[in-house]
Amino acid sequence: MKTIEYPLFRGQYINRFVTTGTFTQIQKFERATLKGKVNEWLDKGFAIHENPCRKEFVKKRDGNIPELLLLEGDDTYEEIQVFGQSRKPRMYFPFGNIGYNASFFYKCPTYIRTYCYVDLWMPDQEDTELEIETCGGVTIWNNHVLVTDYIPFTRNLVKRTTVTIHLEKGCNHLVVCLDDLAERDTDYYFRLRYQGTQIPKMVLPLPENSDAGKIKRLSQEAAGKLSLFCDFTICPAEGNVLPILIYTSYLRN
């Protein structure tokens, strides 16, 4: 299997993945009246007022860890199903973004879930720290073993934590599940910062018939030409590099 590799240095973000994109499941709750300063978004630029149904969601999600999806090997780009929906994984490149970002607007309460994976190849084994940032929930597995289920669910307000992870010499298969209850404008992202002392490689499998050198060259050229409102994907069917417009602003490191 062909792969594409990128070095990872101390303090840098792990931000290249194979991703499923966002699966959605509309939620039904009892109608409720919002109270308080519900129009704060006019001053702050984003909504932070929580719908009462969010408390019900958080209570249900606490301890209910999402299932682990095995995205690896020859089946990496095969169609998968979550919530009865089918999606084909694709490659995600960040450009100016320091993490994975799929923020969007949802008209009604919707449970959203995304899976991302990357292989970290370590020169030697290491116990190190990963810094996590998110507004939703982040579940991480390494080589099929649960590392953490971090679930602040703080409605468009980023929270941070640090977890200790054991990285084996050689391949470490990281799977990240991002989930949240989307309500109107939803900041939906995560950031993982490596704090180890080695220089591992971020390794992604390539779709069949892809040219790793061409992909790297085109991604570097595109990074200098496309705006911060562009994402980057590779179509598994043709192995083509495609700029995809998305409606969210990215933050630079």
Protein backbone atom coordinates (compact mmCIF):
# COMPACT_ATOMS: atom_id res chain seq x y z
CA MET A 1 0.00 0.00 0.00
CA LYS A 2 1.29 3.46 -0.91
CA THR A 3 1.57 6.03 1.87
CA ILE A 4 2.33 9.71 2.33
CA GLU A 5 4.44 10.90 5.27
CA TYR A 6 4.91 14.14 7.21
CA PRO A 7 7.30 14.78 10.12
CA LEU A 8 5.90 15.77 13.50
CA PHE A 9 7.92 17.88 15.92
CA ARG A 10 7.45 18.69 19.59
CA GLY A 11 4.69 21.24 20.10
CA GLN A 12 3.18 20.70 16.65
CA TYR A 13 -0.37 19.60 15.95
CA ILE A 14 -1.41 16.26 14.53
CA ASN A 15 -3.58 17.57 11.74
CA ARG A 16 -3.45 15.22 8.75
CA PHE A 17 -5.99 12.43 8.75
CA VAL A 18 -8.15 10.03 6.83
CA THR A 19 -11.66 11.10 7.83
CA THR A 20 -15.18 9.81 7.42
CA GLY A 21 -16.68 13.27 7.36
CA THR A 22 -19.73 14.03 9.51
CA PHE A 23 -22.51 11.57 10.23
CA THR A 24 -25.76 13.14 11.45
CA GLN A 25 -28.71 11.97 13.52
CA ILE A 26 -31.59 14.39 14.20
CA GLN A 27 -32.63 14.42 17.87
CA LYS A 28 -36.14 14.83 19.26
CA PHE A 29 -36.66 16.67 22.55
CA GLU A 30 -39.57 18.26 24.35
CA ARG A 31 -40.14 21.87 23.38
CA ALA A 32 -38.71 24.40 25.84
CA THR A 33 -38.52 28.17 26.16
CA LEU A 34 -35.05 29.70 26.32
CA LYS A 35 -34.48 32.23 29.08
CA GLY A 36 -31.72 34.71 29.81
CA LYS A 37 -29.47 36.59 27.37
CA VAL A 38 -30.27 34.47 24.34
CA ASN A 39 -29.11 37.16 21.90
CA GLU A 40 -25.52 37.34 23.17
CA TRP A 41 -24.39 36.02 19.81
CA LEU A 42 -25.07 39.48 18.36
CA ASP A 43 -22.14 40.79 20.42
CA LYS A 44 -19.93 37.69 20.63
CA GLY A 45 -20.32 36.54 17.04
CA PHE A 46 -21.30 32.97 17.97
CA ALA A 47 -23.96 31.30 20.09
CA ILE A 48 -23.03 30.11 23.56
CA HIS A 49 -26.52 29.91 25.11
CA GLU A 50 -27.38 26.26 25.62
CA ASN A 51 -30.69 24.71 24.68
CA PRO A 52 -32.17 22.87 27.71
CA CYS A 53 -32.14 19.68 25.64
CA ARG A 54 -28.34 19.78 25.76
CA LYS A 55 -28.35 18.77 29.42
CA GLU A 56 -30.37 15.69 28.49
CA PHE A 57 -27.91 14.87 25.72
CA VAL A 58 -24.83 15.24 27.93
CA LYS A 59 -26.36 13.02 30.62
CA LYS A 60 -27.08 10.33 28.04
CA ARG A 61 -23.64 10.59 26.42
CA ASP A 62 -21.65 10.48 29.70
CA GLY A 63 -20.07 7.02 29.90
CA ASN A 64 -21.63 5.95 26.59
CA ILE A 65 -18.43 5.76 24.55
CA PRO A 66 -18.84 5.71 20.73
CA GLU A 67 -17.94 2.48 19.00
CA LEU A 68 -14.46 2.12 17.55
CA LEU A 69 -14.41 2.08 13.75
CA LEU A 70 -11.51 0.17 12.21
CA LEU A 71 -10.15 2.40 9.46
CA GLU A 72 -6.96 0.71 8.33
CA GLY A 73 -5.26 -1.46 5.76
CA ASP A 74 -6.81 -2.23 2.40
CA ASP A 75 -10.28 -1.31 3.69
CA THR A 76 -9.37 2.27 4.61
CA TYR A 77 -11.35 3.89 1.80
CA GLU A 78 -14.23 1.42 1.72
CA GLU A 79 -17.73 2.76 2.37
CA ILE A 80 -18.76 2.62 6.04
CA GLN A 81 -22.07 3.07 7.83
CA VAL A 82 -22.97 5.03 10.96
CA PHE A 83 -26.56 5.91 11.95
CA GLY A 84 -27.68 4.07 8.81
CA GLN A 85 -25.75 6.55 6.62
CA SER A 86 -23.00 5.50 4.21
CA ARG A 87 -19.86 7.53 3.62
CA LYS A 88 -16.49 6.90 1.99
CA PRO A 89 -13.44 8.09 3.97
CA ARG A 90 -11.20 10.73 2.41
CA MET A 91 -7.89 12.38 3.15
CA TYR A 92 -7.91 15.64 5.12
CA PHE A 93 -5.19 18.26 4.81
CA PRO A 94 -5.38 21.34 7.05
CA PHE A 95 -3.67 24.24 5.24
CA GLY A 96 -3.84 27.09 7.78
CA ASN A 97 -5.93 25.13 10.26
CA ILE A 98 -4.07 23.63 13.22
CA GLY A 99 -6.57 20.82 13.71
CA TYR A 100 -9.56 19.08 12.17
CA ASN A 101 -12.49 21.44 11.58
CA ALA A 102 -15.98 20.68 10.25
CA SER A 103 -17.97 23.55 11.81
CA PHE A 104 -21.39 24.13 10.26
CA PHE A 105 -24.96 25.37 10.86
CA TYR A 106 -27.75 22.98 11.82
CA LYS A 107 -31.42 24.02 11.78
CA CYS A 108 -32.52 21.55 14.47
CA PRO A 109 -30.77 19.64 17.30
CA THR A 110 -28.58 17.04 15.62
CA TYR A 111 -26.15 14.52 17.03
CA ILE A 112 -23.01 14.65 14.88
CA ARG A 113 -20.11 12.21 14.82
CA THR A 114 -16.86 12.06 12.84
CA TYR A 115 -14.00 9.55 12.78
CA CYS A 116 -10.42 10.46 11.85
CA TYR A 117 -7.30 8.33 11.85
CA VAL A 118 -3.56 8.64 11.31
CA ASP A 119 -0.61 6.33 11.91
CA LEU A 120 2.21 7.75 14.04
CA TRP A 121 5.50 5.97 13.36
CA MET A 122 7.82 6.33 16.35
CA PRO A 123 11.63 5.88 16.27
CA ASP A 124 11.34 4.42 19.78
CA GLN A 125 8.65 3.85 22.40
CA GLU A 126 7.63 6.84 24.48
CA ASP A 127 5.23 7.86 27.23
CA THR A 128 4.25 11.40 26.40
CA GLU A 129 1.46 13.96 26.63
CA LEU A 130 -1.16 14.95 24.09
CA GLU A 131 -2.91 18.30 24.48
CA ILE A 132 -6.56 18.19 23.40
CA GLU A 133 -8.77 21.15 22.49
CA THR A 134 -12.44 20.90 21.57
CA CYS A 135 -15.93 22.27 22.20
CA GLY A 136 -17.51 18.84 21.91
CA GLY A 137 -16.33 15.34 22.76
CA VAL A 138 -13.09 13.65 21.71
CA THR A 139 -12.51 9.90 22.07
CA ILE A 140 -9.07 8.54 21.21
CA TRP A 141 -7.85 4.98 20.71
CA ASN A 142 -4.27 3.88 20.06
CA ASN A 143 -3.78 0.47 18.48
CA HIS A 144 -7.44 -0.35 19.35
CA VAL A 145 -6.95 0.53 23.06
CA LEU A 146 -8.96 3.41 24.56
CA VAL A 147 -6.77 6.36 25.59
CA THR A 148 -9.39 8.90 26.67
CA ASP A 149 -13.02 9.93 26.34
CA TYR A 150 -12.88 13.70 26.88
CA ILE A 151 -16.41 15.19 26.85
CA PRO A 152 -16.61 18.83 27.96
CA PHE A 153 -19.51 19.60 25.52
CA THR A 154 -19.23 23.33 26.15
CA ARG A 155 -21.28 24.79 23.28
CA ASN A 156 -18.85 26.80 21.12
CA LEU A 157 -16.47 27.48 24.01
CA VAL A 158 -13.16 25.65 23.64
CA LYS A 159 -11.88 23.53 26.52
CA ARG A 160 -8.44 22.00 26.93
CA THR A 161 -6.97 18.99 28.68
CA THR A 162 -3.78 16.92 28.64
CA VAL A 163 -3.64 13.13 28.52
CA THR A 164 -0.75 10.72 28.81
CA ILE A 165 -0.35 8.26 25.98
CA HIS A 166 2.01 5.32 25.51
CA LEU A 167 3.42 5.22 21.98
CA GLU A 168 5.06 2.01 20.83
CA LYS A 169 8.15 1.85 18.66
CA GLY A 170 6.95 1.65 15.09
CA CYS A 171 3.29 2.03 14.14
CA ASN A 172 0.73 3.62 16.44
CA HIS A 173 -2.72 3.56 14.87
CA LEU A 174 -4.58 6.59 16.27
CA VAL A 175 -8.35 6.78 15.81
CA VAL A 176 -10.13 9.94 16.94
CA CYS A 177 -13.91 10.22 17.27
CA LEU A 178 -15.31 13.76 17.43
CA ASP A 179 -18.95 14.13 18.46
CA ASP A 180 -21.36 16.79 19.71
CA LEU A 181 -24.95 17.94 19.80
CA ALA A 182 -25.20 20.55 17.05
CA GLU A 183 -27.50 23.53 17.65
CA ARG A 184 -27.62 26.29 15.05
CA ASP A 185 -24.06 27.59 14.44
CA THR A 186 -21.76 24.88 15.78
CA ASP A 187 -18.00 25.05 16.30
CA TYR A 188 -17.10 21.46 15.57
CA TYR A 189 -13.39 20.74 15.72
CA PHE A 190 -10.54 19.19 17.66
CA ARG A 191 -6.83 19.86 17.98
CA LEU A 192 -4.16 17.40 19.14
CA ARG A 193 -0.71 18.71 20.07
CA TYR A 194 2.23 16.33 20.39
CA GLN A 195 4.49 17.09 23.38
CA GLY A 196 7.01 14.29 23.04
CA THR A 197 10.75 14.54 22.47
CA GLN A 198 11.08 12.42 19.32
CA ILE A 199 10.36 13.21 15.67
CA PRO A 200 7.69 10.71 14.61
CA LYS A 201 6.05 10.58 11.20
CA MET A 202 2.38 11.13 10.43
CA VAL A 203 1.63 8.42 7.87
CA LEU A 204 -1.54 8.18 5.75
CA PRO A 205 -2.43 5.46 3.24
CA LEU A 206 -3.10 6.69 -0.27
CA PRO A 207 -6.06 5.78 -2.42
CA GLU A 208 -5.25 3.27 -5.13
CA ASN A 209 -3.43 4.70 -8.19
CA SER A 210 -2.41 7.87 -6.30
CA ASP A 211 0.97 9.55 -6.77
CA ALA A 212 2.43 10.56 -3.35
CA GLY A 213 4.95 12.98 -4.85
CA LYS A 214 2.33 14.72 -6.96
CA ILE A 215 -0.07 14.98 -4.05
CA LYS A 216 2.57 16.56 -1.81
CA ARG A 217 3.61 19.01 -4.50
CA LEU A 218 0.07 20.05 -5.34
CA SER A 219 -0.90 20.39 -1.67
CA GLN A 220 2.10 22.66 -1.05
CA GLU A 221 1.28 24.78 -4.10
CA ALA A 222 -2.39 24.96 -3.17
CA ALA A 223 -1.58 25.98 0.41
CA GLY A 224 -0.03 29.16 -0.91
CA LYS A 225 -2.82 29.98 -3.34
CA LEU A 226 -6.10 29.03 -1.68
CA SER A 227 -7.74 31.16 0.97
CA LEU A 228 -8.24 30.17 4.58
CA PHE A 229 -11.77 29.19 3.66
CA CYS A 230 -10.61 26.16 1.70
CA ASP A 231 -10.22 22.59 2.80
CA PHE A 232 -8.37 19.94 0.84
CA THR A 233 -9.40 16.45 -0.08
CA ILE A 234 -8.41 13.52 -2.25
CA CYS A 235 -11.10 11.66 -4.12
CA PRO A 236 -10.51 7.93 -3.44
CA ALA A 237 -11.95 6.94 -6.81
CA GLU A 238 -9.52 8.92 -8.96
CA GLY A 239 -6.78 9.90 -6.51
CA ASN A 240 -7.24 13.52 -7.58
CA VAL A 241 -6.44 16.56 -5.47
CA LEU A 242 -9.52 18.73 -5.05
CA PRO A 243 -10.00 22.07 -3.27
CA ILE A 244 -13.30 22.04 -1.37
CA LEU A 245 -14.94 25.24 -0.13
CA ILE A 246 -16.27 25.06 3.41
CA TYR A 247 -17.99 27.67 5.50
CA THR A 248 -15.82 28.18 8.54
CA SER A 249 -12.84 30.35 9.39
CA TYR A 250 -9.57 28.64 10.25
CA LEU A 251 -7.05 29.71 12.86
CA ARG A 252 -3.34 29.85 12.20
CA ASN A 253 -0.80 28.33 14.59
